[in-house]
N, C-alpha and C. Protein backbone atom coordinates (compact mmCIF):
# COMPACT_ATOMS: atom_id res chain seq x y z
N UNK A 1 -1.18 13.64 -36.39
CA UNK A 1 -0.29 14.33 -35.47
C UNK A 1 0.45 15.44 -36.19
N UNK A 2 0.98 16.30 -35.42
CA UNK A 2 1.67 17.45 -35.97
C UNK A 2 3.07 17.08 -36.45
N UNK A 3 3.51 17.75 -37.50
CA UNK A 3 4.87 17.51 -38.00
C UNK A 3 5.89 18.22 -37.13
N UNK A 4 5.44 19.08 -36.25
CA UNK A 4 6.33 19.82 -35.37
C UNK A 4 6.71 19.04 -34.11
N UNK A 5 6.14 17.87 -33.91
CA UNK A 5 6.41 17.08 -32.73
C UNK A 5 7.90 16.82 -32.57
N UNK A 6 8.54 16.35 -33.62
CA UNK A 6 9.96 16.05 -33.56
C UNK A 6 10.79 17.27 -33.24
N UNK A 7 10.43 18.40 -33.82
CA UNK A 7 11.15 19.64 -33.55
C UNK A 7 11.02 20.07 -32.10
N UNK A 8 9.85 19.90 -31.53
CA UNK A 8 9.65 20.28 -30.13
C UNK A 8 10.43 19.35 -29.19
N UNK A 9 10.42 18.05 -29.50
CA UNK A 9 11.20 17.11 -28.69
C UNK A 9 12.67 17.48 -28.77
N UNK A 10 13.16 17.70 -29.99
CA UNK A 10 14.57 18.03 -30.18
C UNK A 10 14.95 19.32 -29.46
N UNK A 11 14.07 20.31 -29.51
CA UNK A 11 14.33 21.58 -28.85
C UNK A 11 14.48 21.41 -27.34
N UNK A 12 13.57 20.65 -26.74
CA UNK A 12 13.63 20.43 -25.30
C UNK A 12 14.89 19.64 -24.93
N UNK A 13 15.20 18.63 -25.72
CA UNK A 13 16.42 17.86 -25.46
C UNK A 13 17.64 18.77 -25.47
N UNK A 14 17.70 19.63 -26.47
CA UNK A 14 18.82 20.57 -26.61
C UNK A 14 18.86 21.53 -25.42
N UNK A 15 17.72 22.12 -25.09
CA UNK A 15 17.67 23.12 -24.01
C UNK A 15 18.00 22.52 -22.65
N UNK A 16 17.64 21.27 -22.45
CA UNK A 16 17.88 20.63 -21.16
C UNK A 16 19.13 19.76 -21.16
N UNK A 17 19.84 19.78 -22.30
CA UNK A 17 21.07 19.01 -22.44
C UNK A 17 20.84 17.52 -22.12
N UNK A 18 19.78 16.97 -22.71
CA UNK A 18 19.44 15.56 -22.54
C UNK A 18 19.74 14.86 -23.86
N UNK A 19 20.35 13.70 -23.78
CA UNK A 19 20.64 12.91 -24.98
C UNK A 19 19.43 12.05 -25.34
N UNK A 20 19.31 11.77 -26.63
CA UNK A 20 18.21 10.92 -27.10
C UNK A 20 18.22 9.58 -26.37
N UNK A 21 19.38 9.04 -26.12
CA UNK A 21 19.51 7.76 -25.41
C UNK A 21 18.91 7.86 -24.01
N UNK A 22 19.19 8.97 -23.32
CA UNK A 22 18.66 9.17 -21.97
C UNK A 22 17.13 9.24 -22.00
N UNK A 23 16.59 9.97 -22.97
CA UNK A 23 15.14 10.05 -23.10
C UNK A 23 14.56 8.68 -23.40
N UNK A 24 15.19 7.95 -24.30
CA UNK A 24 14.72 6.62 -24.66
C UNK A 24 14.67 5.71 -23.43
N UNK A 25 15.71 5.78 -22.60
CA UNK A 25 15.75 4.96 -21.39
C UNK A 25 14.62 5.34 -20.44
N UNK A 26 14.37 6.64 -20.30
CA UNK A 26 13.30 7.10 -19.40
C UNK A 26 11.92 6.66 -19.88
N UNK A 27 11.76 6.65 -21.21
CA UNK A 27 10.45 6.36 -21.79
C UNK A 27 10.23 4.86 -21.99
N UNK A 28 11.32 4.10 -22.11
CA UNK A 28 11.19 2.67 -22.33
C UNK A 28 11.11 2.27 -23.78
N UNK A 29 11.76 3.06 -24.65
CA UNK A 29 11.85 2.73 -26.07
C UNK A 29 13.32 2.77 -26.46
N UNK A 30 13.60 2.44 -27.70
CA UNK A 30 14.99 2.47 -28.15
C UNK A 30 15.38 3.88 -28.58
N UNK A 31 16.68 4.11 -28.61
CA UNK A 31 17.18 5.39 -29.08
C UNK A 31 16.79 5.61 -30.54
N UNK A 32 16.79 4.54 -31.34
CA UNK A 32 16.39 4.63 -32.74
C UNK A 32 14.94 5.09 -32.87
N UNK A 33 14.10 4.64 -31.96
CA UNK A 33 12.69 5.04 -31.99
C UNK A 33 12.56 6.53 -31.72
N UNK A 34 13.28 7.03 -30.70
CA UNK A 34 13.26 8.47 -30.42
C UNK A 34 13.76 9.24 -31.63
N UNK A 35 14.81 8.76 -32.25
CA UNK A 35 15.37 9.41 -33.44
C UNK A 35 14.33 9.48 -34.56
N UNK A 36 13.56 8.42 -34.71
CA UNK A 36 12.52 8.41 -35.75
C UNK A 36 11.39 9.39 -35.42
N UNK A 37 11.05 9.51 -34.14
CA UNK A 37 10.04 10.50 -33.75
C UNK A 37 10.53 11.90 -34.10
N UNK A 38 11.78 12.18 -33.77
CA UNK A 38 12.35 13.51 -34.02
C UNK A 38 12.42 13.79 -35.52
N UNK A 39 12.76 12.78 -36.29
CA UNK A 39 12.86 12.96 -37.75
C UNK A 39 11.49 12.99 -38.43
N UNK A 40 10.44 12.67 -37.69
CA UNK A 40 9.10 12.66 -38.27
C UNK A 40 8.80 11.40 -39.05
N UNK A 41 9.62 10.36 -38.86
CA UNK A 41 9.42 9.10 -39.58
C UNK A 41 8.40 8.20 -38.90
N UNK A 42 8.18 8.43 -37.61
CA UNK A 42 7.21 7.65 -36.84
C UNK A 42 6.46 8.58 -35.90
N UNK A 43 5.29 8.14 -35.50
CA UNK A 43 4.51 8.88 -34.52
C UNK A 43 4.32 8.00 -33.29
N UNK A 44 4.56 8.53 -32.12
CA UNK A 44 4.40 7.71 -30.92
C UNK A 44 2.94 7.41 -30.62
N UNK A 45 2.72 6.24 -30.01
CA UNK A 45 1.38 5.91 -29.53
C UNK A 45 1.06 6.90 -28.40
N UNK A 46 -0.21 7.11 -28.13
CA UNK A 46 -0.59 8.09 -27.10
C UNK A 46 0.10 7.87 -25.75
N UNK A 47 0.21 6.61 -25.31
CA UNK A 47 0.84 6.37 -24.01
C UNK A 47 2.33 6.67 -24.04
N UNK A 48 2.97 6.44 -25.18
CA UNK A 48 4.40 6.77 -25.32
C UNK A 48 4.57 8.29 -25.36
N UNK A 49 3.68 8.97 -26.06
CA UNK A 49 3.73 10.43 -26.10
C UNK A 49 3.59 11.00 -24.70
N UNK A 50 2.68 10.45 -23.92
CA UNK A 50 2.49 10.91 -22.54
C UNK A 50 3.76 10.67 -21.72
N UNK A 51 4.40 9.53 -21.92
CA UNK A 51 5.65 9.24 -21.21
C UNK A 51 6.77 10.19 -21.62
N UNK A 52 6.83 10.52 -22.91
CA UNK A 52 7.84 11.48 -23.39
C UNK A 52 7.60 12.83 -22.73
N UNK A 53 6.35 13.28 -22.72
CA UNK A 53 6.02 14.56 -22.11
C UNK A 53 6.41 14.58 -20.64
N UNK A 54 6.10 13.52 -19.92
CA UNK A 54 6.46 13.43 -18.50
C UNK A 54 7.96 13.46 -18.33
N UNK A 55 8.69 12.70 -19.13
CA UNK A 55 10.15 12.65 -19.01
C UNK A 55 10.78 14.00 -19.31
N UNK A 56 10.13 14.80 -20.15
CA UNK A 56 10.67 16.11 -20.51
C UNK A 56 10.06 17.25 -19.68
N UNK A 57 9.25 16.89 -18.69
CA UNK A 57 8.59 17.89 -17.83
C UNK A 57 7.78 18.89 -18.64
N UNK A 58 6.98 18.38 -19.56
CA UNK A 58 6.11 19.22 -20.36
C UNK A 58 4.78 18.49 -20.52
N UNK A 59 3.97 18.94 -21.45
CA UNK A 59 2.67 18.30 -21.69
C UNK A 59 2.61 17.75 -23.11
N UNK A 60 1.74 16.79 -23.30
CA UNK A 60 1.51 16.27 -24.65
C UNK A 60 0.97 17.38 -25.55
N UNK A 61 0.12 18.24 -24.99
CA UNK A 61 -0.42 19.35 -25.78
C UNK A 61 0.70 20.24 -26.31
N UNK A 62 1.70 20.52 -25.46
CA UNK A 62 2.82 21.34 -25.92
C UNK A 62 3.57 20.63 -27.05
N UNK A 63 3.87 19.35 -26.85
CA UNK A 63 4.61 18.61 -27.87
C UNK A 63 3.86 18.56 -29.19
N UNK A 64 2.53 18.46 -29.11
CA UNK A 64 1.70 18.40 -30.31
C UNK A 64 1.35 19.78 -30.86
N UNK A 65 1.78 20.83 -30.15
CA UNK A 65 1.51 22.21 -30.56
C UNK A 65 0.01 22.49 -30.63
N UNK A 66 -0.71 22.01 -29.61
CA UNK A 66 -2.16 22.24 -29.57
C UNK A 66 -2.58 22.91 -28.28
N UNK A 67 -1.63 23.53 -27.60
CA UNK A 67 -1.97 24.23 -26.37
C UNK A 67 -2.90 25.39 -26.66
N UNK A 68 -3.80 25.59 -25.74
CA UNK A 68 -4.72 26.72 -25.83
C UNK A 68 -4.39 27.66 -24.67
N UNK A 69 -3.92 28.85 -24.99
CA UNK A 69 -3.50 29.79 -23.96
C UNK A 69 -4.68 30.50 -23.30
N UNK A 70 -5.87 30.31 -23.83
CA UNK A 70 -7.03 30.96 -23.23
C UNK A 70 -7.42 30.23 -21.95
N UNK A 71 -7.35 30.92 -20.83
CA UNK A 71 -7.69 30.34 -19.54
C UNK A 71 -9.17 30.55 -19.30
N UNK A 72 -9.90 29.48 -19.17
CA UNK A 72 -11.35 29.54 -18.98
C UNK A 72 -11.65 29.37 -17.50
N UNK A 73 -11.57 30.47 -16.74
CA UNK A 73 -11.75 30.43 -15.30
C UNK A 73 -13.08 29.81 -14.88
N UNK A 74 -14.21 30.20 -15.48
CA UNK A 74 -15.48 29.60 -15.06
C UNK A 74 -15.51 28.07 -15.24
N UNK A 75 -14.92 27.58 -16.32
CA UNK A 75 -14.88 26.14 -16.55
C UNK A 75 -14.03 25.45 -15.49
N UNK A 76 -12.86 26.01 -15.19
CA UNK A 76 -11.98 25.43 -14.17
C UNK A 76 -12.69 25.43 -12.82
N UNK A 77 -13.38 26.53 -12.50
CA UNK A 77 -14.10 26.64 -11.23
C UNK A 77 -15.17 25.56 -11.12
N UNK A 78 -15.91 25.33 -12.20
CA UNK A 78 -16.94 24.29 -12.20
C UNK A 78 -16.33 22.90 -12.02
N UNK A 79 -15.23 22.65 -12.69
CA UNK A 79 -14.58 21.34 -12.59
C UNK A 79 -14.08 21.08 -11.17
N UNK A 80 -13.51 22.11 -10.56
CA UNK A 80 -13.03 21.96 -9.18
C UNK A 80 -14.22 21.75 -8.24
N UNK A 81 -15.27 22.54 -8.44
CA UNK A 81 -16.46 22.41 -7.60
C UNK A 81 -17.06 21.02 -7.66
N UNK A 82 -17.08 20.42 -8.85
CA UNK A 82 -17.64 19.09 -9.00
C UNK A 82 -16.79 18.02 -8.35
N UNK A 83 -15.49 18.25 -8.27
CA UNK A 83 -14.57 17.20 -7.83
C UNK A 83 -13.95 17.45 -6.46
N UNK A 84 -14.16 18.61 -5.87
CA UNK A 84 -13.50 18.96 -4.61
C UNK A 84 -13.80 17.98 -3.49
N UNK A 85 -15.03 17.52 -3.40
CA UNK A 85 -15.38 16.62 -2.29
C UNK A 85 -14.68 15.27 -2.38
N UNK A 86 -14.24 14.90 -3.56
CA UNK A 86 -13.55 13.63 -3.74
C UNK A 86 -12.03 13.77 -3.63
N UNK A 87 -11.55 15.00 -3.47
CA UNK A 87 -10.11 15.24 -3.43
C UNK A 87 -9.60 15.24 -1.99
N UNK A 88 -8.39 14.73 -1.81
CA UNK A 88 -7.75 14.80 -0.50
C UNK A 88 -7.20 16.21 -0.31
N UNK A 89 -6.85 16.55 0.93
CA UNK A 89 -6.25 17.86 1.19
C UNK A 89 -4.95 18.02 0.41
N UNK A 90 -4.18 16.96 0.31
CA UNK A 90 -2.91 17.02 -0.44
C UNK A 90 -3.18 17.29 -1.92
N UNK A 91 -4.17 16.64 -2.50
CA UNK A 91 -4.52 16.88 -3.90
C UNK A 91 -4.98 18.33 -4.11
N UNK A 92 -5.72 18.86 -3.15
CA UNK A 92 -6.16 20.25 -3.24
C UNK A 92 -4.97 21.20 -3.20
N UNK A 93 -4.00 20.92 -2.30
CA UNK A 93 -2.79 21.75 -2.23
C UNK A 93 -2.00 21.69 -3.53
N UNK A 94 -1.88 20.48 -4.09
CA UNK A 94 -1.17 20.32 -5.36
C UNK A 94 -1.85 21.10 -6.47
N UNK A 95 -3.17 21.07 -6.48
CA UNK A 95 -3.93 21.80 -7.49
C UNK A 95 -3.71 23.30 -7.34
N UNK A 96 -3.78 23.79 -6.14
CA UNK A 96 -3.56 25.21 -5.88
C UNK A 96 -2.15 25.61 -6.32
N UNK A 97 -1.18 24.78 -5.98
CA UNK A 97 0.20 25.07 -6.38
C UNK A 97 0.35 25.06 -7.90
N UNK A 98 -0.32 24.14 -8.57
CA UNK A 98 -0.25 24.08 -10.03
C UNK A 98 -0.89 25.30 -10.67
N UNK A 99 -1.99 25.74 -10.09
CA UNK A 99 -2.70 26.89 -10.67
C UNK A 99 -2.00 28.22 -10.38
N UNK A 100 -1.46 28.35 -9.19
CA UNK A 100 -0.93 29.64 -8.76
C UNK A 100 0.56 29.67 -8.52
N UNK A 101 1.21 28.55 -8.74
CA UNK A 101 2.67 28.50 -8.59
C UNK A 101 3.15 28.63 -7.18
N UNK A 102 2.33 28.28 -6.22
CA UNK A 102 2.72 28.37 -4.81
C UNK A 102 3.57 27.19 -4.39
N UNK A 103 4.04 27.24 -3.17
CA UNK A 103 4.86 26.13 -2.66
C UNK A 103 4.05 25.21 -1.82
């Protein structure tokens, strides 16, 4: 895992004025555990990392500093095409909103 994980968590906590205790409560771990993640003394298990990302309204990729800013439109189009028939209308609307920032 990246050594920047703790810094990214700390930055989001600071920017959103969230206390480590509040994050710990949301994620279901102790405040000491969050403190150790921030200090780089421990690494969260994947499911805990996902919960941290959700609680902070971000992604695991962002926290791990592995985001790829290159948008691969053809790949996204293929993925949607393969899965569209299995999606509900609500899921399609959510996807459109996520991609284009609509309401």
